[in-house]
């Protein structure tokens, strides 16, 4: 998908791409904190939030976890080979 979207890029400046992956995304299906902020129908809740709601996330199977790690490793390898990878410090410098 990343290669496809980059091939379609037509602006004069290069795109800024982020890949935000939380560590629990590798081994949990769903977000442990989601029920704090959203109801069962995905409607946002209003404060004050109940931080004692049950965790609705579920563990992933070993196969799912390995597939996600594999895809992540491919993403990192592709980015290292084909893109200009920057840190937050680099972004601040570019913004100045």
PDB file of N, CA and C in Angstrom:
ATOM      1  N   UNK A   1       0.819  -1.190   0.000  1.00  0.00           N
ATOM      2  CA  UNK A   1       0.000   0.000   0.000  1.00  0.00           C
ATOM      3  C   UNK A   1       0.866   1.259   0.000  1.00  0.00           C
ATOM      4  N   UNK A   2       1.942   1.247   0.784  1.00  0.00           N
ATOM      5  CA  UNK A   2       2.826   2.406   0.831  1.00  0.00           C
ATOM      6  C   UNK A   2       3.436   2.656  -0.549  1.00  0.00           C
ATOM      7  N   UNK A   3       3.915   1.619  -1.198  1.00  0.00           N
ATOM      8  CA  UNK A   3       4.502   1.774  -2.534  1.00  0.00           C
ATOM      9  C   UNK A   3       3.475   2.319  -3.522  1.00  0.00           C
ATOM     10  N   UNK A   4       2.251   1.822  -3.444  1.00  0.00           N
ATOM     11  CA  UNK A   4       1.184   2.281  -4.344  1.00  0.00           C
ATOM     12  C   UNK A   4       0.878   3.762  -4.125  1.00  0.00           C
ATOM     13  N   UNK A   5       0.731   4.170  -2.896  1.00  0.00           N
ATOM     14  CA  UNK A   5       0.421   5.571  -2.583  1.00  0.00           C
ATOM     15  C   UNK A   5       1.582   6.490  -2.974  1.00  0.00           C
ATOM     16  N   UNK A   6       2.819   6.056  -2.735  1.00  0.00           N
ATOM     17  CA  UNK A   6       3.962   6.877  -3.116  1.00  0.00           C
ATOM     18  C   UNK A   6       4.048   7.030  -4.631  1.00  0.00           C
ATOM     19  N   UNK A   7       3.688   5.987  -5.362  1.00  0.00           N
ATOM     20  CA  UNK A   7       3.708   6.055  -6.826  1.00  0.00           C
ATOM     21  C   UNK A   7       2.681   7.061  -7.350  1.00  0.00           C
ATOM     22  N   UNK A   8       1.623   7.298  -6.602  1.00  0.00           N
ATOM     23  CA  UNK A   8       0.575   8.231  -7.008  1.00  0.00           C
ATOM     24  C   UNK A   8       0.874   9.675  -6.585  1.00  0.00           C
ATOM     25  N   UNK A   9       1.918   9.885  -5.799  1.00  0.00           N
ATOM     26  CA  UNK A   9       2.231  11.214  -5.266  1.00  0.00           C
ATOM     27  C   UNK A   9       2.642  12.131  -6.410  1.00  0.00           C
ATOM     28  N   UNK A  10       1.993  13.308  -6.499  1.00  0.00           N
ATOM     29  CA  UNK A  10       2.301  14.213  -7.605  1.00  0.00           C
ATOM     30  C   UNK A  10       2.642  15.637  -7.146  1.00  0.00           C
ATOM     31  N   UNK A  11       2.721  15.882  -5.874  1.00  0.00           N
ATOM     32  CA  UNK A  11       3.043  17.223  -5.376  1.00  0.00           C
ATOM     33  C   UNK A  11       4.539  17.504  -5.552  1.00  0.00           C
ATOM     34  N   UNK A  12       4.902  18.782  -5.493  1.00  0.00           N
ATOM     35  CA  UNK A  12       6.301  19.154  -5.692  1.00  0.00           C
ATOM     36  C   UNK A  12       7.179  18.814  -4.484  1.00  0.00           C
ATOM     37  N   UNK A  13       6.570  18.740  -3.311  1.00  0.00           N
ATOM     38  CA  UNK A  13       7.322  18.385  -2.106  1.00  0.00           C
ATOM     39  C   UNK A  13       7.108  16.919  -1.777  1.00  0.00           C
ATOM     40  N   UNK A  14       8.116  16.264  -1.206  1.00  0.00           N
ATOM     41  CA  UNK A  14       7.923  14.862  -0.832  1.00  0.00           C
ATOM     42  C   UNK A  14       6.903  14.733   0.300  1.00  0.00           C
ATOM     43  N   UNK A  15       6.218  13.603   0.373  1.00  0.00           N
ATOM     44  CA  UNK A  15       5.222  13.420   1.438  1.00  0.00           C
ATOM     45  C   UNK A  15       5.889  13.170   2.781  1.00  0.00           C
ATOM     46  N   UNK A  16       5.159  13.459   3.820  1.00  0.00           N
ATOM     47  CA  UNK A  16       5.571  13.147   5.184  1.00  0.00           C
ATOM     48  C   UNK A  16       4.726  11.954   5.616  1.00  0.00           C
ATOM     49  N   UNK A  17       5.361  10.854   5.930  1.00  0.00           N
ATOM     50  CA  UNK A  17       4.657   9.612   6.254  1.00  0.00           C
ATOM     51  C   UNK A  17       5.002   9.190   7.670  1.00  0.00           C
ATOM     52  N   UNK A  18       3.991   8.848   8.430  1.00  0.00           N
ATOM     53  CA  UNK A  18       4.242   8.287   9.758  1.00  0.00           C
ATOM     54  C   UNK A  18       3.643   6.889   9.819  1.00  0.00           C
ATOM     55  N   UNK A  19       4.267   6.049  10.590  1.00  0.00           N
ATOM     56  CA  UNK A  19       3.749   4.703  10.829  1.00  0.00           C
ATOM     57  C   UNK A  19       3.678   4.530  12.337  1.00  0.00           C
ATOM     58  N   UNK A  20       2.524   4.864  12.894  1.00  0.00           N
ATOM     59  CA  UNK A  20       2.349   4.816  14.338  1.00  0.00           C
ATOM     60  C   UNK A  20       1.835   3.436  14.733  1.00  0.00           C
ATOM     61  N   UNK A  21       2.668   2.719  15.439  1.00  0.00           N
ATOM     62  CA  UNK A  21       2.303   1.378  15.886  1.00  0.00           C
ATOM     63  C   UNK A  21       2.591   1.305  17.378  1.00  0.00           C
ATOM     64  N   UNK A  22       1.535   1.084  18.161  1.00  0.00           N
ATOM     65  CA  UNK A  22       1.708   0.932  19.602  1.00  0.00           C
ATOM     66  C   UNK A  22       2.145  -0.503  19.887  1.00  0.00           C
ATOM     67  N   UNK A  23       2.913  -0.679  20.931  1.00  0.00           N
ATOM     68  CA  UNK A  23       3.433  -2.016  21.201  1.00  0.00           C
ATOM     69  C   UNK A  23       2.318  -3.043  21.403  1.00  0.00           C
ATOM     70  N   UNK A  24       1.180  -2.623  21.970  1.00  0.00           N
ATOM     71  CA  UNK A  24       0.108  -3.598  22.182  1.00  0.00           C
ATOM     72  C   UNK A  24      -0.583  -4.000  20.878  1.00  0.00           C
ATOM     73  N   UNK A  25      -0.383  -3.236  19.790  1.00  0.00           N
ATOM     74  CA  UNK A  25      -0.956  -3.616  18.499  1.00  0.00           C
ATOM     75  C   UNK A  25      -0.375  -4.930  18.004  1.00  0.00           C
ATOM     76  N   UNK A  26       0.826  -5.277  18.427  1.00  0.00           N
ATOM     77  CA  UNK A  26       1.453  -6.515  17.987  1.00  0.00           C
ATOM     78  C   UNK A  26       0.767  -7.747  18.588  1.00  0.00           C
ATOM     79  N   UNK A  27       0.360  -7.654  19.833  1.00  0.00           N
ATOM     80  CA  UNK A  27      -0.140  -8.853  20.497  1.00  0.00           C
ATOM     81  C   UNK A  27      -1.564  -8.744  21.040  1.00  0.00           C
ATOM     82  N   UNK A  28      -2.215  -7.596  20.835  1.00  0.00           N
ATOM     83  CA  UNK A  28      -3.611  -7.440  21.274  1.00  0.00           C
ATOM     84  C   UNK A  28      -4.473  -7.030  20.090  1.00  0.00           C
ATOM     85  N   UNK A  29      -5.685  -7.537  20.037  1.00  0.00           N
ATOM     86  CA  UNK A  29      -6.665  -7.140  19.036  1.00  0.00           C
ATOM     87  C   UNK A  29      -7.627  -6.187  19.727  1.00  0.00           C
ATOM     88  N   UNK A  30      -7.592  -4.925  19.312  1.00  0.00           N
ATOM     89  CA  UNK A  30      -8.372  -3.902  19.994  1.00  0.00           C
ATOM     90  C   UNK A  30      -7.477  -3.115  20.932  1.00  0.00           C
ATOM     91  N   UNK A  31      -8.016  -2.069  21.501  1.00  0.00           N
ATOM     92  CA  UNK A  31      -7.250  -1.210  22.393  1.00  0.00           C
ATOM     93  C   UNK A  31      -7.752  -1.357  23.818  1.00  0.00           C
ATOM     94  N   UNK A  32      -6.863  -1.657  24.766  1.00  0.00           N
ATOM     95  CA  UNK A  32      -7.279  -1.825  26.154  1.00  0.00           C
ATOM     96  C   UNK A  32      -7.942  -0.577  26.742  1.00  0.00           C
ATOM     97  N   UNK A  33      -7.616   0.591  26.220  1.00  0.00           N
ATOM     98  CA  UNK A  33      -8.135   1.853  26.752  1.00  0.00           C
ATOM     99  C   UNK A  33      -9.380   2.348  26.032  1.00  0.00           C
ATOM    100  N   UNK A  34      -9.763   1.709  24.924  1.00  0.00           N
ATOM    101  CA  UNK A  34     -10.854   2.213  24.088  1.00  0.00           C
ATOM    102  C   UNK A  34     -12.180   2.345  24.853  1.00  0.00           C
ATOM    103  N   UNK A  35     -12.479   1.396  25.715  1.00  0.00           N
ATOM    104  CA  UNK A  35     -13.749   1.445  26.443  1.00  0.00           C
ATOM    105  C   UNK A  35     -13.810   2.601  27.440  1.00  0.00           C
ATOM    106  N   UNK A  36     -12.670   3.222  27.739  1.00  0.00           N
ATOM    107  CA  UNK A  36     -12.679   4.425  28.585  1.00  0.00           C
ATOM    108  C   UNK A  36     -13.337   5.594  27.858  1.00  0.00           C
ATOM    109  N   UNK A  37     -13.130   5.661  26.549  1.00  0.00           N
ATOM    110  CA  UNK A  37     -13.498   6.844  25.775  1.00  0.00           C
ATOM    111  C   UNK A  37     -14.623   6.652  24.764  1.00  0.00           C
ATOM    112  N   UNK A  38     -14.974   5.386  24.456  1.00  0.00           N
ATOM    113  CA  UNK A  38     -16.022   5.111  23.456  1.00  0.00           C
ATOM    114  C   UNK A  38     -16.982   4.056  23.982  1.00  0.00           C
ATOM    115  N   UNK A  39     -18.267   4.200  23.598  1.00  0.00           N
ATOM    116  CA  UNK A  39     -19.241   3.193  23.996  1.00  0.00           C
ATOM    117  C   UNK A  39     -19.194   2.014  23.022  1.00  0.00           C
ATOM    118  N   UNK A  40     -20.054   1.027  23.221  1.00  0.00           N
ATOM    119  CA  UNK A  40     -20.064  -0.181  22.401  1.00  0.00           C
ATOM    120  C   UNK A  40     -20.400   0.104  20.937  1.00  0.00           C
ATOM    121  N   UNK A  41     -21.032   1.248  20.664  1.00  0.00           N
ATOM    122  CA  UNK A  41     -21.377   1.630  19.287  1.00  0.00           C
ATOM    123  C   UNK A  41     -20.362   2.596  18.676  1.00  0.00           C
ATOM    124  N   UNK A  42     -19.191   2.718  19.312  1.00  0.00           N
ATOM    125  CA  UNK A  42     -18.116   3.604  18.847  1.00  0.00           C
ATOM    126  C   UNK A  42     -18.447   5.086  18.932  1.00  0.00           C
ATOM    127  N   UNK A  43     -19.380   5.442  19.783  1.00  0.00           N
ATOM    128  CA  UNK A  43     -19.715   6.847  20.007  1.00  0.00           C
ATOM    129  C   UNK A  43     -18.834   7.357  21.154  1.00  0.00           C
ATOM    130  N   UNK A  44     -18.243   8.550  20.982  1.00  0.00           N
ATOM    131  CA  UNK A  44     -17.396   9.091  22.057  1.00  0.00           C
ATOM    132  C   UNK A  44     -18.186   9.328  23.343  1.00  0.00           C
ATOM    133  N   UNK A  45     -17.580   8.991  24.449  1.00  0.00           N
ATOM    134  CA  UNK A  45     -18.163   9.260  25.757  1.00  0.00           C
ATOM    135  C   UNK A  45     -17.728  10.645  26.220  1.00  0.00           C
ATOM    136  N   UNK A  46     -18.427  11.179  27.182  1.00  0.00           N
ATOM    137  CA  UNK A  46     -18.093  12.493  27.744  1.00  0.00           C
ATOM    138  C   UNK A  46     -17.422  12.316  29.098  1.00  0.00           C
ATOM    139  N   UNK A  47     -16.524  13.231  29.457  1.00  0.00           N
ATOM    140  CA  UNK A  47     -15.907  13.159  30.779  1.00  0.00           C
ATOM    141  C   UNK A  47     -16.945  13.419  31.858  1.00  0.00           C
ATOM    142  N   UNK A  48     -16.733  12.970  33.072  1.00  0.00           N
ATOM    143  CA  UNK A  48     -15.547  12.232  33.504  1.00  0.00           C
ATOM    144  C   UNK A  48     -15.590  10.794  33.001  1.00  0.00           C
ATOM    145  N   UNK A  49     -14.445  10.279  32.610  1.00  0.00           N
ATOM    146  CA  UNK A  49     -14.351   8.935  32.054  1.00  0.00           C
ATOM    147  C   UNK A  49     -14.229   7.907  33.173  1.00  0.00           C
ATOM    148  N   UNK A  50     -14.825   6.755  32.952  1.00  0.00           N
ATOM    149  CA  UNK A  50     -14.746   5.662  33.914  1.00  0.00           C
ATOM    150  C   UNK A  50     -13.533   4.807  33.566  1.00  0.00           C
ATOM    151  N   UNK A  51     -12.464   4.970  34.314  1.00  0.00           N
ATOM    152  CA  UNK A  51     -11.239   4.230  34.041  1.00  0.00           C
ATOM    153  C   UNK A  51     -11.280   2.804  34.571  1.00  0.00           C
ATOM    154  N   UNK A  52     -12.417   2.406  35.126  1.00  0.00           N
ATOM    155  CA  UNK A  52     -12.568   1.042  35.632  1.00  0.00           C
ATOM    156  C   UNK A  52     -13.394   0.164  34.700  1.00  0.00           C
ATOM    157  N   UNK A  53     -13.662   0.629  33.477  1.00  0.00           N
ATOM    158  CA  UNK A  53     -14.414  -0.201  32.542  1.00  0.00           C
ATOM    159  C   UNK A  53     -13.574  -1.405  32.154  1.00  0.00           C
ATOM    160  N   UNK A  54     -14.229  -2.510  31.795  1.00  0.00           N
ATOM    161  CA  UNK A  54     -13.464  -3.713  31.454  1.00  0.00           C
ATOM    162  C   UNK A  54     -12.677  -3.542  30.150  1.00  0.00           C
ATOM    163  N   UNK A  55     -11.568  -4.214  30.076  1.00  0.00           N
ATOM    164  CA  UNK A  55     -10.729  -4.231  28.880  1.00  0.00           C
ATOM    165  C   UNK A  55     -11.426  -5.106  27.833  1.00  0.00           C
ATOM    166  N   UNK A  56     -11.786  -4.515  26.700  1.00  0.00           N
ATOM    167  CA  UNK A  56     -12.490  -5.265  25.662  1.00  0.00           C
ATOM    168  C   UNK A  56     -11.539  -5.834  24.604  1.00  0.00           C
ATOM    169  N   UNK A  57     -10.239  -5.547  24.736  1.00  0.00           N
ATOM    170  CA  UNK A  57      -9.282  -6.108  23.778  1.00  0.00           C
ATOM    171  C   UNK A  57      -9.066  -7.589  24.070  1.00  0.00           C
ATOM    172  N   UNK A  58      -8.567  -8.278  23.057  1.00  0.00           N
ATOM    173  CA  UNK A  58      -8.320  -9.720  23.192  1.00  0.00           C
ATOM    174  C   UNK A  58      -6.916 -10.044  22.705  1.00  0.00           C
ATOM    175  N   UNK A  59      -6.306 -11.077  23.271  1.00  0.00           N
ATOM    176  CA  UNK A  59      -4.970 -11.464  22.786  1.00  0.00           C
ATOM    177  C   UNK A  59      -5.053 -11.973  21.341  1.00  0.00           C
ATOM    178  N   UNK A  60      -4.034 -11.679  20.571  1.00  0.00           N
ATOM    179  CA  UNK A  60      -3.931 -12.220  19.217  1.00  0.00           C
ATOM    180  C   UNK A  60      -3.350 -13.627  19.301  1.00  0.00           C
ATOM    181  N   UNK A  61      -3.578 -14.402  18.252  1.00  0.00           N
ATOM    182  CA  UNK A  61      -2.956 -15.724  18.196  1.00  0.00           C
ATOM    183  C   UNK A  61      -1.473 -15.549  17.893  1.00  0.00           C
ATOM    184  N   UNK A  62      -0.711 -16.566  18.121  1.00  0.00           N
ATOM    185  CA  UNK A  62       0.727 -16.525  17.818  1.00  0.00           C
ATOM    186  C   UNK A  62       0.941 -16.227  16.332  1.00  0.00           C
ATOM    187  N   UNK A  63       0.128 -16.848  15.492  1.00  0.00           N
ATOM    188  CA  UNK A  63       0.246 -16.643  14.045  1.00  0.00           C
ATOM    189  C   UNK A  63      -0.036 -15.184  13.672  1.00  0.00           C
ATOM    190  N   UNK A  64      -1.065 -14.587  14.276  1.00  0.00           N
ATOM    191  CA  UNK A  64      -1.380 -13.185  13.995  1.00  0.00           C
ATOM    192  C   UNK A  64      -0.238 -12.271  14.437  1.00  0.00           C
ATOM    193  N   UNK A  65       0.267 -12.521  15.626  1.00  0.00           N
ATOM    194  CA  UNK A  65       1.368 -11.714  16.155  1.00  0.00           C
ATOM    195  C   UNK A  65       2.597 -11.812  15.250  1.00  0.00           C
ATOM    196  N   UNK A  66       2.937 -13.019  14.817  1.00  0.00           N
ATOM    197  CA  UNK A  66       4.090 -13.200  13.934  1.00  0.00           C
ATOM    198  C   UNK A  66       3.868 -12.507  12.592  1.00  0.00           C
ATOM    199  N   UNK A  67       2.649 -12.547  12.070  1.00  0.00           N
ATOM    200  CA  UNK A  67       2.352 -11.879  10.801  1.00  0.00           C
ATOM    201  C   UNK A  67       2.494 -10.366  10.949  1.00  0.00           C
ATOM    202  N   UNK A  68       2.033  -9.808  12.061  1.00  0.00           N
ATOM    203  CA  UNK A  68       2.138  -8.369  12.289  1.00  0.00           C
ATOM    204  C   UNK A  68       3.600  -7.964  12.447  1.00  0.00           C
ATOM    205  N   UNK A  69       4.375  -8.735  13.213  1.00  0.00           N
ATOM    206  CA  UNK A  69       5.801  -8.438  13.345  1.00  0.00           C
ATOM    207  C   UNK A  69       6.492  -8.512  11.987  1.00  0.00           C
ATOM    208  N   UNK A  70       6.135  -9.518  11.178  1.00  0.00           N
ATOM    209  CA  UNK A  70       6.730  -9.654   9.846  1.00  0.00           C
ATOM    210  C   UNK A  70       6.427  -8.453   8.966  1.00  0.00           C
ATOM    211  N   UNK A  71       5.171  -8.003   8.975  1.00  0.00           N
ATOM    212  CA  UNK A  71       4.783  -6.833   8.176  1.00  0.00           C
ATOM    213  C   UNK A  71       5.505  -5.585   8.672  1.00  0.00           C
ATOM    214  N   UNK A  72       5.638  -5.452   9.971  1.00  0.00           N
ATOM    215  CA  UNK A  72       6.342  -4.296  10.548  1.00  0.00           C
ATOM    216  C   UNK A  72       7.816  -4.311  10.132  1.00  0.00           C
ATOM    217  N   UNK A  73       8.445  -5.473  10.212  1.00  0.00           N
ATOM    218  CA  UNK A  73       9.850  -5.574   9.813  1.00  0.00           C
ATOM    219  C   UNK A  73      10.033  -5.240   8.336  1.00  0.00           C
ATOM    220  N   UNK A  74       9.087  -5.658   7.493  1.00  0.00           N
ATOM    221  CA  UNK A  74       9.141  -5.315   6.068  1.00  0.00           C
ATOM    222  C   UNK A  74       8.995  -3.807   5.869  1.00  0.00           C
ATOM    223  N   UNK A  75       8.107  -3.187   6.622  1.00  0.00           N
ATOM    224  CA  UNK A  75       7.914  -1.744   6.535  1.00  0.00           C
ATOM    225  C   UNK A  75       9.193  -1.000   6.919  1.00  0.00           C
ATOM    226  N   UNK A  76       9.810  -1.402   8.011  1.00  0.00           N
ATOM    227  CA  UNK A  76      11.042  -0.751   8.458  1.00  0.00           C
ATOM    228  C   UNK A  76      12.155  -0.959   7.435  1.00  0.00           C
ATOM    229  N   UNK A  77      12.293  -2.167   6.900  1.00  0.00           N
ATOM    230  CA  UNK A  77      13.337  -2.437   5.905  1.00  0.00           C
ATOM    231  C   UNK A  77      13.100  -1.625   4.636  1.00  0.00           C
ATOM    232  N   UNK A  78      11.857  -1.536   4.185  1.00  0.00           N
ATOM    233  CA  UNK A  78      11.538  -0.743   2.997  1.00  0.00           C
ATOM    234  C   UNK A  78      11.869   0.724   3.225  1.00  0.00           C
ATOM    235  N   UNK A  79      11.461   1.241   4.372  1.00  0.00           N
ATOM    236  CA  UNK A  79      11.712   2.652   4.683  1.00  0.00           C
ATOM    237  C   UNK A  79      13.212   2.927   4.743  1.00  0.00           C
ATOM    238  N   UNK A  80      13.970   2.058   5.373  1.00  0.00           N
ATOM    239  CA  UNK A  80      15.410   2.261   5.491  1.00  0.00           C
ATOM    240  C   UNK A  80      16.090   2.255   4.129  1.00  0.00           C
ATOM    241  N   UNK A  81      15.597   1.443   3.209  1.00  0.00           N
ATOM    242  CA  UNK A  81      16.208   1.315   1.886  1.00  0.00           C
ATOM    243  C   UNK A  81      15.744   2.397   0.912  1.00  0.00           C
ATOM    244  N   UNK A  82      14.492   2.831   1.009  1.00  0.00           N
ATOM    245  CA  UNK A  82      13.898   3.662  -0.034  1.00  0.00           C
ATOM    246  C   UNK A  82      13.503   5.075   0.376  1.00  0.00           C
ATOM    247  N   UNK A  83      13.451   5.357   1.667  1.00  0.00           N
ATOM    248  CA  UNK A  83      12.959   6.648   2.122  1.00  0.00           C
ATOM    249  C   UNK A  83      14.009   7.344   2.974  1.00  0.00           C
ATOM    250  N   UNK A  84      13.802   8.610   3.202  1.00  0.00           N
ATOM    251  CA  UNK A  84      14.662   9.372   4.096  1.00  0.00           C
ATOM    252  C   UNK A  84      14.019   9.311   5.481  1.00  0.00           C
ATOM    253  N   UNK A  85      14.507   8.430   6.315  1.00  0.00           N
ATOM    254  CA  UNK A  85      13.940   8.240   7.650  1.00  0.00           C
ATOM    255  C   UNK A  85      14.500   9.316   8.572  1.00  0.00           C
ATOM    256  N   UNK A  86      13.601   9.985   9.307  1.00  0.00           N
ATOM    257  CA  UNK A  86      14.010  11.056  10.212  1.00  0.00           C
ATOM    258  C   UNK A  86      13.458  10.805  11.611  1.00  0.00           C
ATOM    259  N   UNK A  87      14.077  11.453  12.567  1.00  0.00           N
ATOM    260  CA  UNK A  87      13.625  11.388  13.946  1.00  0.00           C
ATOM    261  C   UNK A  87      12.816  12.648  14.269  1.00  0.00           C
ATOM    262  N   UNK A  88      12.253  12.695  15.443  1.00  0.00           N
ATOM    263  CA  UNK A  88      11.533  13.885  15.888  1.00  0.00           C
ATOM    264  C   UNK A  88      12.460  15.101  15.897  1.00  0.00           C
ATOM    265  N   UNK A  89      13.701  14.904  16.291  1.00  0.00           N
ATOM    266  CA  UNK A  89      14.675  15.996  16.305  1.00  0.00           C
ATOM    267  C   UNK A  89      14.890  16.526  14.893  1.00  0.00           C
ATOM    268  N   UNK A  90      14.982  15.624  13.907  1.00  0.00           N
ATOM    269  CA  UNK A  90      15.143  16.044  12.521  1.00  0.00           C
ATOM    270  C   UNK A  90      13.940  16.866  12.047  1.00  0.00           C
ATOM    271  N   UNK A  91      12.762  16.475  12.451  1.00  0.00           N
ATOM    272  CA  UNK A  91      11.539  17.178  12.053  1.00  0.00           C
ATOM    273  C   UNK A  91      11.532  18.597  12.611  1.00  0.00           C
ATOM    274  N   UNK A  92      11.938  18.752  13.864  1.00  0.00           N
ATOM    275  CA  UNK A  92      12.009  20.084  14.465  1.00  0.00           C
ATOM    276  C   UNK A  92      13.015  20.950  13.685  1.00  0.00           C
ATOM    277  N   UNK A  93      14.146  20.387  13.338  1.00  0.00           N
ATOM    278  CA  UNK A  93      15.149  21.125  12.568  1.00  0.00           C
ATOM    279  C   UNK A  93      14.591  21.543  11.207  1.00  0.00           C
ATOM    280  N   UNK A  94      13.876  20.647  10.539  1.00  0.00           N
ATOM    281  CA  UNK A  94      13.281  20.958   9.240  1.00  0.00           C
ATOM    282  C   UNK A  94      12.228  22.063   9.355  1.00  0.00           C
ATOM    283  N   UNK A  95      11.539  22.127  10.473  1.00  0.00           N
ATOM    284  CA  UNK A  95      10.473  23.104  10.655  1.00  0.00           C
ATOM    285  C   UNK A  95      11.002  24.503  10.926  1.00  0.00           C
ATOM    286  N   UNK A  96      12.249  24.616  11.336  1.00  0.00           N
ATOM    287  CA  UNK A  96      12.819  25.932  11.678  1.00  0.00           C
ATOM    288  C   UNK A  96      13.189  26.708  10.439  1.00  0.00           C
TER     289      UNK A  96
END
